[in-house]
Amino acid sequence: MAFAWYDIAGLAGTLMILLAYFLLQAGRLSGTGVAYQLLNLFGAGGVLLSLAGAFNLSVALLEGAWVLVSTYGLVRTLRARRRPV
């Protein structure tokens, strides 16, 4: 079985999202942490890239929303860290 670049991007993205969720459930990552947000952001981006091979509107909407929410969470986390206590 040969994989195209977009298949590899999709698999890597899926693994990143699953890893982020597992580490969150295992108590190893915070849901508001930068690592969690980045894993979700890049994971969703990888799945979106995989749609270059076979487009699926449902997946595009889901992963597009995932990118937006992850970006929002990342920006919010970084802004909160910059505020003086």
PDB file of N, CA and C in Angstrom:
ATOM      1  N   MET A   1       0.843  -1.170   0.000  1.00  0.00           N
ATOM      2  CA  MET A   1       0.000   0.000   0.000  1.00  0.00           C
ATOM      3  C   MET A   1       0.896   1.244   0.000  1.00  0.00           C
ATOM      4  N   ALA A   2       0.719   2.076  -0.979  1.00  0.00           N
ATOM      5  CA  ALA A   2       1.505   3.303  -1.089  1.00  0.00           C
ATOM      6  C   ALA A   2       0.708   4.473  -0.534  1.00  0.00           C
ATOM      7  N   PHE A   3       1.399   5.317   0.205  1.00  0.00           N
ATOM      8  CA  PHE A   3       0.767   6.497   0.776  1.00  0.00           C
ATOM      9  C   PHE A   3       1.231   7.741   0.041  1.00  0.00           C
ATOM     10  N   ALA A   4       0.297   8.622  -0.266  1.00  0.00           N
ATOM     11  CA  ALA A   4       0.627   9.928  -0.830  1.00  0.00           C
ATOM     12  C   ALA A   4       0.938  10.871   0.336  1.00  0.00           C
ATOM     13  N   TRP A   5       1.513  12.025   0.018  1.00  0.00           N
ATOM     14  CA  TRP A   5       1.878  12.984   1.066  1.00  0.00           C
ATOM     15  C   TRP A   5       0.670  13.392   1.908  1.00  0.00           C
ATOM     16  N   TYR A   6      -0.487  13.515   1.270  1.00  0.00           N
ATOM     17  CA  TYR A   6      -1.674  13.947   2.007  1.00  0.00           C
ATOM     18  C   TYR A   6      -2.199  12.845   2.921  1.00  0.00           C
ATOM     19  N   ASP A   7      -1.951  11.581   2.575  1.00  0.00           N
ATOM     20  CA  ASP A   7      -2.319  10.485   3.465  1.00  0.00           C
ATOM     21  C   ASP A   7      -1.468  10.525   4.731  1.00  0.00           C
ATOM     22  N   ILE A   8      -0.190  10.778   4.557  1.00  0.00           N
ATOM     23  CA  ILE A   8       0.724  10.856   5.700  1.00  0.00           C
ATOM     24  C   ILE A   8       0.363  12.047   6.582  1.00  0.00           C
ATOM     25  N   ALA A   9       0.044  13.187   5.961  1.00  0.00           N
ATOM     26  CA  ALA A   9      -0.369  14.368   6.725  1.00  0.00           C
ATOM     27  C   ALA A   9      -1.635  14.064   7.534  1.00  0.00           C
ATOM     28  N   GLY A  10      -2.585  13.386   6.931  1.00  0.00           N
ATOM     29  CA  GLY A  10      -3.821  13.037   7.622  1.00  0.00           C
ATOM     30  C   GLY A  10      -3.601  12.070   8.768  1.00  0.00           C
ATOM     31  N   LEU A  11      -2.761  11.071   8.548  1.00  0.00           N
ATOM     32  CA  LEU A  11      -2.462  10.119   9.623  1.00  0.00           C
ATOM     33  C   LEU A  11      -1.735  10.800  10.775  1.00  0.00           C
ATOM     34  N   ALA A  12      -0.762  11.637  10.448  1.00  0.00           N
ATOM     35  CA  ALA A  12      -0.028  12.368  11.489  1.00  0.00           C
ATOM     36  C   ALA A  12      -0.976  13.284  12.255  1.00  0.00           C
ATOM     37  N   GLY A  13      -1.869  13.963  11.538  1.00  0.00           N
ATOM     38  CA  GLY A  13      -2.829  14.841  12.191  1.00  0.00           C
ATOM     39  C   GLY A  13      -3.758  14.090  13.120  1.00  0.00           C
ATOM     40  N   THR A  14      -4.257  12.974  12.656  1.00  0.00           N
ATOM     41  CA  THR A  14      -5.142  12.151  13.480  1.00  0.00           C
ATOM     42  C   THR A  14      -4.425  11.684  14.741  1.00  0.00           C
ATOM     43  N   LEU A  15      -3.188  11.243  14.581  1.00  0.00           N
ATOM     44  CA  LEU A  15      -2.413  10.785  15.743  1.00  0.00           C
ATOM     45  C   LEU A  15      -2.159  11.924  16.727  1.00  0.00           C
ATOM     46  N   MET A  16      -1.921  13.135  16.224  1.00  0.00           N
ATOM     47  CA  MET A  16      -1.711  14.285  17.115  1.00  0.00           C
ATOM     48  C   MET A  16      -2.969  14.590  17.924  1.00  0.00           C
ATOM     49  N   ILE A  17      -4.116  14.584  17.264  1.00  0.00           N
ATOM     50  CA  ILE A  17      -5.374  14.870  17.966  1.00  0.00           C
ATOM     51  C   ILE A  17      -5.655  13.789  19.011  1.00  0.00           C
ATOM     52  N   LEU A  18      -5.458  12.540  18.647  1.00  0.00           N
ATOM     53  CA  LEU A  18      -5.690  11.453  19.591  1.00  0.00           C
ATOM     54  C   LEU A  18      -4.704  11.499  20.755  1.00  0.00           C
ATOM     55  N   LEU A  19      -3.458  11.819  20.475  1.00  0.00           N
ATOM     56  CA  LEU A  19      -2.444  11.933  21.528  1.00  0.00           C
ATOM     57  C   LEU A  19      -2.809  13.062  22.494  1.00  0.00           C
ATOM     58  N   ALA A  20      -3.218  14.210  21.945  1.00  0.00           N
ATOM     59  CA  ALA A  20      -3.613  15.336  22.793  1.00  0.00           C
ATOM     60  C   ALA A  20      -4.758  14.937  23.708  1.00  0.00           C
ATOM     61  N   TYR A  21      -5.741  14.268  23.163  1.00  0.00           N
ATOM     62  CA  TYR A  21      -6.902  13.863  23.960  1.00  0.00           C
ATOM     63  C   TYR A  21      -6.512  12.835  25.018  1.00  0.00           C
ATOM     64  N   PHE A  22      -5.683  11.870  24.647  1.00  0.00           N
ATOM     65  CA  PHE A  22      -5.231  10.865  25.608  1.00  0.00           C
ATOM     66  C   PHE A  22      -4.454  11.515  26.753  1.00  0.00           C
ATOM     67  N   LEU A  23      -3.512  12.392  26.411  1.00  0.00           N
ATOM     68  CA  LEU A  23      -2.705  13.046  27.445  1.00  0.00           C
ATOM     69  C   LEU A  23      -3.554  13.941  28.341  1.00  0.00           C
ATOM     70  N   LEU A  24      -4.581  14.557  27.791  1.00  0.00           N
ATOM     71  CA  LEU A  24      -5.507  15.347  28.599  1.00  0.00           C
ATOM     72  C   LEU A  24      -6.247  14.440  29.584  1.00  0.00           C
ATOM     73  N   GLN A  25      -6.766  13.326  29.092  1.00  0.00           N
ATOM     74  CA  GLN A  25      -7.513  12.392  29.940  1.00  0.00           C
ATOM     75  C   GLN A  25      -6.622  11.746  30.993  1.00  0.00           C
ATOM     76  N   ALA A  26      -5.349  11.543  30.652  1.00  0.00           N
ATOM     77  CA  ALA A  26      -4.403  10.928  31.577  1.00  0.00           C
ATOM     78  C   ALA A  26      -3.864  11.935  32.594  1.00  0.00           C
ATOM     79  N   GLY A  27      -4.257  13.187  32.457  1.00  0.00           N
ATOM     80  CA  GLY A  27      -3.794  14.206  33.379  1.00  0.00           C
ATOM     81  C   GLY A  27      -2.383  14.688  33.121  1.00  0.00           C
ATOM     82  N   ARG A  28      -1.854  14.416  31.942  1.00  0.00           N
ATOM     83  CA  ARG A  28      -0.481  14.799  31.597  1.00  0.00           C
ATOM     84  C   ARG A  28      -0.405  16.150  30.894  1.00  0.00           C
ATOM     85  N   LEU A  29      -1.526  16.627  30.372  1.00  0.00           N
ATOM     86  CA  LEU A  29      -1.597  17.936  29.731  1.00  0.00           C
ATOM     87  C   LEU A  29      -2.788  18.695  30.306  1.00  0.00           C
ATOM     88  N   SER A  30      -2.656  20.019  30.303  1.00  0.00           N
ATOM     89  CA  SER A  30      -3.764  20.877  30.688  1.00  0.00           C
ATOM     90  C   SER A  30      -4.539  21.264  29.434  1.00  0.00           C
ATOM     91  N   GLY A  31      -5.841  21.324  29.547  1.00  0.00           N
ATOM     92  CA  GLY A  31      -6.679  21.714  28.418  1.00  0.00           C
ATOM     93  C   GLY A  31      -6.454  23.149  27.985  1.00  0.00           C
ATOM     94  N   THR A  32      -5.859  23.941  28.855  1.00  0.00           N
ATOM     95  CA  THR A  32      -5.556  25.330  28.501  1.00  0.00           C
ATOM     96  C   THR A  32      -4.069  25.542  28.231  1.00  0.00           C
ATOM     97  N   GLY A  33      -3.318  24.467  28.156  1.00  0.00           N
ATOM     98  CA  GLY A  33      -1.883  24.571  27.921  1.00  0.00           C
ATOM     99  C   GLY A  33      -1.541  24.744  26.449  1.00  0.00           C
ATOM    100  N   VAL A  34      -0.381  25.308  26.208  1.00  0.00           N
ATOM    101  CA  VAL A  34       0.081  25.547  24.840  1.00  0.00           C
ATOM    102  C   VAL A  34       0.282  24.234  24.088  1.00  0.00           C
ATOM    103  N   ALA A  35       0.867  23.239  24.730  1.00  0.00           N
ATOM    104  CA  ALA A  35       1.128  21.964  24.053  1.00  0.00           C
ATOM    105  C   ALA A  35      -0.162  21.323  23.566  1.00  0.00           C
ATOM    106  N   TYR A  36      -1.189  21.338  24.413  1.00  0.00           N
ATOM    107  CA  TYR A  36      -2.483  20.762  24.030  1.00  0.00           C
ATOM    108  C   TYR A  36      -3.081  21.495  22.836  1.00  0.00           C
ATOM    109  N   GLN A  37      -3.049  22.825  22.889  1.00  0.00           N
ATOM    110  CA  GLN A  37      -3.609  23.629  21.805  1.00  0.00           C
ATOM    111  C   GLN A  37      -2.851  23.400  20.506  1.00  0.00           C
ATOM    112  N   LEU A  38      -1.522  23.334  20.578  1.00  0.00           N
ATOM    113  CA  LEU A  38      -0.727  23.131  19.364  1.00  0.00           C
ATOM    114  C   LEU A  38      -0.936  21.743  18.762  1.00  0.00           C
ATOM    115  N   LEU A  39      -1.024  20.725  19.609  1.00  0.00           N
ATOM    116  CA  LEU A  39      -1.292  19.384  19.090  1.00  0.00           C
ATOM    117  C   LEU A  39      -2.623  19.354  18.339  1.00  0.00           C
ATOM    118  N   ASN A  40      -3.634  19.989  18.902  1.00  0.00           N
ATOM    119  CA  ASN A  40      -4.938  20.041  18.239  1.00  0.00           C
ATOM    120  C   ASN A  40      -4.896  20.875  16.962  1.00  0.00           C
ATOM    121  N   LEU A  41      -4.223  22.019  17.013  1.00  0.00           N
ATOM    122  CA  LEU A  41      -4.136  22.898  15.847  1.00  0.00           C
ATOM    123  C   LEU A  41      -3.428  22.218  14.685  1.00  0.00           C
ATOM    124  N   PHE A  42      -2.245  21.683  14.937  1.00  0.00           N
ATOM    125  CA  PHE A  42      -1.497  21.030  13.865  1.00  0.00           C
ATOM    126  C   PHE A  42      -2.137  19.712  13.450  1.00  0.00           C
ATOM    127  N   GLY A  43      -2.767  19.032  14.392  1.00  0.00           N
ATOM    128  CA  GLY A  43      -3.480  17.800  14.053  1.00  0.00           C
ATOM    129  C   GLY A  43      -4.625  18.067  13.099  1.00  0.00           C
ATOM    130  N   ALA A  44      -5.432  19.058  13.418  1.00  0.00           N
ATOM    131  CA  ALA A  44      -6.550  19.407  12.540  1.00  0.00           C
ATOM    132  C   ALA A  44      -6.048  19.902  11.191  1.00  0.00           C
ATOM    133  N   GLY A  45      -4.950  20.647  11.201  1.00  0.00           N
ATOM    134  CA  GLY A  45      -4.356  21.095   9.938  1.00  0.00           C
ATOM    135  C   GLY A  45      -3.913  19.926   9.074  1.00  0.00           C
ATOM    136  N   GLY A  46      -3.342  18.903   9.698  1.00  0.00           N
ATOM    137  CA  GLY A  46      -2.930  17.713   8.955  1.00  0.00           C
ATOM    138  C   GLY A  46      -4.107  16.987   8.338  1.00  0.00           C
ATOM    139  N   VAL A  47      -5.192  16.882   9.098  1.00  0.00           N
ATOM    140  CA  VAL A  47      -6.393  16.227   8.561  1.00  0.00           C
ATOM    141  C   VAL A  47      -6.956  17.060   7.408  1.00  0.00           C
ATOM    142  N   LEU A  48      -6.943  18.380   7.543  1.00  0.00           N
ATOM    143  CA  LEU A  48      -7.407  19.231   6.441  1.00  0.00           C
ATOM    144  C   LEU A  48      -6.554  19.023   5.193  1.00  0.00           C
ATOM    145  N   LEU A  49      -5.243  18.913   5.362  1.00  0.00           N
ATOM    146  CA  LEU A  49      -4.370  18.664   4.211  1.00  0.00           C
ATOM    147  C   LEU A  49      -4.701  17.338   3.541  1.00  0.00           C
ATOM    148  N   SER A  50      -5.109  16.361   4.334  1.00  0.00           N
ATOM    149  CA  SER A  50      -5.422  15.046   3.763  1.00  0.00           C
ATOM    150  C   SER A  50      -6.603  15.104   2.813  1.00  0.00           C
ATOM    151  N   LEU A  51      -7.412  16.148   2.932  1.00  0.00           N
ATOM    152  CA  LEU A  51      -8.578  16.277   2.058  1.00  0.00           C
ATOM    153  C   LEU A  51      -8.193  16.627   0.624  1.00  0.00           C
ATOM    154  N   ALA A  52      -6.917  16.920   0.400  1.00  0.00           N
ATOM    155  CA  ALA A  52      -6.439  17.142  -0.971  1.00  0.00           C
ATOM    156  C   ALA A  52      -6.591  15.862  -1.798  1.00  0.00           C
ATOM    157  N   GLY A  53      -6.549  14.714  -1.129  1.00  0.00           N
ATOM    158  CA  GLY A  53      -6.684  13.440  -1.827  1.00  0.00           C
ATOM    159  C   GLY A  53      -8.121  13.092  -2.162  1.00  0.00           C
ATOM    160  N   ALA A  54      -8.995  13.302  -1.210  1.00  0.00           N
ATOM    161  CA  ALA A  54     -10.419  13.010  -1.406  1.00  0.00           C
ATOM    162  C   ALA A  54     -11.198  13.958  -0.508  1.00  0.00           C
ATOM    163  N   PHE A  55     -11.828  14.957  -1.094  1.00  0.00           N
ATOM    164  CA  PHE A  55     -12.527  15.969  -0.316  1.00  0.00           C
ATOM    165  C   PHE A  55     -13.782  15.410   0.326  1.00  0.00           C
ATOM    166  N   ASN A  56     -14.017  15.838   1.560  1.00  0.00           N
ATOM    167  CA  ASN A  56     -15.208  15.450   2.305  1.00  0.00           C
ATOM    168  C   ASN A  56     -15.668  16.697   3.058  1.00  0.00           C
ATOM    169  N   LEU A  57     -16.808  17.234   2.695  1.00  0.00           N
ATOM    170  CA  LEU A  57     -17.294  18.484   3.278  1.00  0.00           C
ATOM    171  C   LEU A  57     -17.474  18.393   4.789  1.00  0.00           C
ATOM    172  N   SER A  58     -18.006  17.302   5.268  1.00  0.00           N
ATOM    173  CA  SER A  58     -18.226  17.140   6.710  1.00  0.00           C
ATOM    174  C   SER A  58     -16.909  17.218   7.479  1.00  0.00           C
ATOM    175  N   VAL A  59     -15.915  16.526   6.989  1.00  0.00           N
ATOM    176  CA  VAL A  59     -14.603  16.541   7.643  1.00  0.00           C
ATOM    177  C   VAL A  59     -13.971  17.928   7.524  1.00  0.00           C
ATOM    178  N   ALA A  60     -14.129  18.575   6.384  1.00  0.00           N
ATOM    179  CA  ALA A  60     -13.576  19.916   6.204  1.00  0.00           C
ATOM    180  C   ALA A  60     -14.191  20.897   7.202  1.00  0.00           C
ATOM    181  N   LEU A  61     -15.503  20.831   7.403  1.00  0.00           N
ATOM    182  CA  LEU A  61     -16.163  21.708   8.368  1.00  0.00           C
ATOM    183  C   LEU A  61     -15.711  21.410   9.795  1.00  0.00           C
ATOM    184  N   LEU A  62     -15.648  20.147  10.142  1.00  0.00           N
ATOM    185  CA  LEU A  62     -15.237  19.755  11.487  1.00  0.00           C
ATOM    186  C   LEU A  62     -13.805  20.205  11.776  1.00  0.00           C
ATOM    187  N   GLU A  63     -12.913  19.897  10.879  1.00  0.00           N
ATOM    188  CA  GLU A  63     -11.497  20.222  11.117  1.00  0.00           C
ATOM    189  C   GLU A  63     -11.232  21.720  10.990  1.00  0.00           C
ATOM    190  N   GLY A  64     -11.981  22.405  10.123  1.00  0.00           N
ATOM    191  CA  GLY A  64     -11.857  23.858  10.046  1.00  0.00           C
ATOM    192  C   GLY A  64     -12.271  24.500  11.358  1.00  0.00           C
ATOM    193  N   ALA A  65     -13.363  24.015  11.936  1.00  0.00           N
ATOM    194  CA  ALA A  65     -13.798  24.513  13.241  1.00  0.00           C
ATOM    195  C   ALA A  65     -12.773  24.174  14.318  1.00  0.00           C
ATOM    196  N   TRP A  66     -12.178  22.994  14.224  1.00  0.00           N
ATOM    197  CA  TRP A  66     -11.168  22.555  15.187  1.00  0.00           C
ATOM    198  C   TRP A  66      -9.958  23.489  15.130  1.00  0.00           C
ATOM    199  N   VAL A  67      -9.546  23.883  13.932  1.00  0.00           N
ATOM    200  CA  VAL A  67      -8.437  24.825  13.764  1.00  0.00           C
ATOM    201  C   VAL A  67      -8.797  26.173  14.397  1.00  0.00           C
ATOM    202  N   LEU A  68     -10.004  26.666  14.131  1.00  0.00           N
ATOM    203  CA  LEU A  68     -10.415  27.957  14.676  1.00  0.00           C
ATOM    204  C   LEU A  68     -10.481  27.937  16.207  1.00  0.00           C
ATOM    205  N   VAL A  69     -11.070  26.906  16.769  1.00  0.00           N
ATOM    206  CA  VAL A  69     -11.186  26.812  18.219  1.00  0.00           C
ATOM    207  C   VAL A  69      -9.805  26.661  18.860  1.00  0.00           C
ATOM    208  N   SER A  70      -8.941  25.852  18.262  1.00  0.00           N
ATOM    209  CA  SER A  70      -7.591  25.676  18.794  1.00  0.00           C
ATOM    210  C   SER A  70      -6.791  26.972  18.721  1.00  0.00           C
ATOM    211  N   THR A  71      -6.954  27.702  17.630  1.00  0.00           N
ATOM    212  CA  THR A  71      -6.272  28.992  17.495  1.00  0.00           C
ATOM    213  C   THR A  71      -6.772  29.963  18.560  1.00  0.00           C
ATOM    214  N   TYR A  72      -8.085  30.013  18.749  1.00  0.00           N
ATOM    215  CA  TYR A  72      -8.665  30.865  19.782  1.00  0.00           C
ATOM    216  C   TYR A  72      -8.100  30.499  21.162  1.00  0.00           C
ATOM    217  N   GLY A  73      -8.072  29.213  21.479  1.00  0.00           N
ATOM    218  CA  GLY A  73      -7.554  28.762  22.767  1.00  0.00           C
ATOM    219  C   GLY A  73      -6.086  29.101  22.944  1.00  0.00           C
ATOM    220  N   LEU A  74      -5.314  28.952  21.886  1.00  0.00           N
ATOM    221  CA  LEU A  74      -3.891  29.267  21.951  1.00  0.00           C
ATOM    222  C   LEU A  74      -3.668  30.763  22.190  1.00  0.00           C
ATOM    223  N   VAL A  75      -4.377  31.598  21.450  1.00  0.00           N
ATOM    224  CA  VAL A  75      -4.253  33.052  21.617  1.00  0.00           C
ATOM    225  C   VAL A  75      -4.682  33.448  23.025  1.00  0.00           C
ATOM    226  N   ARG A  76      -5.774  32.887  23.483  1.00  0.00           N
ATOM    227  CA  ARG A  76      -6.261  33.198  24.835  1.00  0.00           C
ATOM    228  C   ARG A  76      -5.247  32.790  25.898  1.00  0.00           C
ATOM    229  N   THR A  77      -4.662  31.623  25.754  1.00  0.00           N
ATOM    230  CA  THR A  77      -3.657  31.150  26.706  1.00  0.00           C
ATOM    231  C   THR A  77      -2.425  32.044  26.698  1.00  0.00           C
ATOM    232  N   LEU A  78      -1.947  32.404  25.521  1.00  0.00           N
ATOM    233  CA  LEU A  78      -0.758  33.242  25.432  1.00  0.00           C
ATOM    234  C   LEU A  78      -1.014  34.643  25.984  1.00  0.00           C
ATOM    235  N   ARG A  79      -2.186  35.195  25.737  1.00  0.00           N
ATOM    236  CA  ARG A  79      -2.522  36.515  26.302  1.00  0.00           C
ATOM    237  C   ARG A  79      -2.595  36.460  27.823  1.00  0.00           C
ATOM    238  N   ALA A  80      -3.163  35.408  28.355  1.00  0.00           N
ATOM    239  CA  ALA A  80      -3.285  35.254  29.818  1.00  0.00           C
ATOM    240  C   ALA A  80      -1.907  35.151  30.463  1.00  0.00           C
ATOM    241  N   ARG A  81      -0.975  34.535  29.785  1.00  0.00           N
ATOM    242  CA  ARG A  81       0.377  34.401  30.329  1.00  0.00           C
ATOM    243  C   ARG A  81       1.127  35.722  30.355  1.00  0.00           C
ATOM    244  N   ARG A  82       0.785  36.622  29.444  1.00  0.00           N
ATOM    245  CA  ARG A  82       1.476  37.921  29.360  1.00  0.00           C
ATOM    246  C   ARG A  82       0.973  38.912  30.392  1.00  0.00           C
ATOM    247  N   ARG A  83      -0.242  38.713  30.890  1.00  0.00           N
ATOM    248  CA  ARG A  83      -0.810  39.655  31.861  1.00  0.00           C
ATOM    249  C   ARG A  83      -0.060  39.569  33.185  1.00  0.00           C
ATOM    250  N   PRO A  84       0.272  40.739  33.742  1.00  0.00           N
ATOM    251  CA  PRO A  84       0.913  40.717  35.073  1.00  0.00           C
ATOM    252  C   PRO A  84      -0.095  40.305  36.140  1.00  0.00           C
ATOM    253  N   VAL A  85       0.394  39.635  37.134  1.00  0.00           N
ATOM    254  CA  VAL A  85      -0.475  39.149  38.223  1.00  0.00           C
ATOM    255  C   VAL A  85      -0.613  40.183  39.298  1.00  0.00           C
TER     256      VAL A  85
END
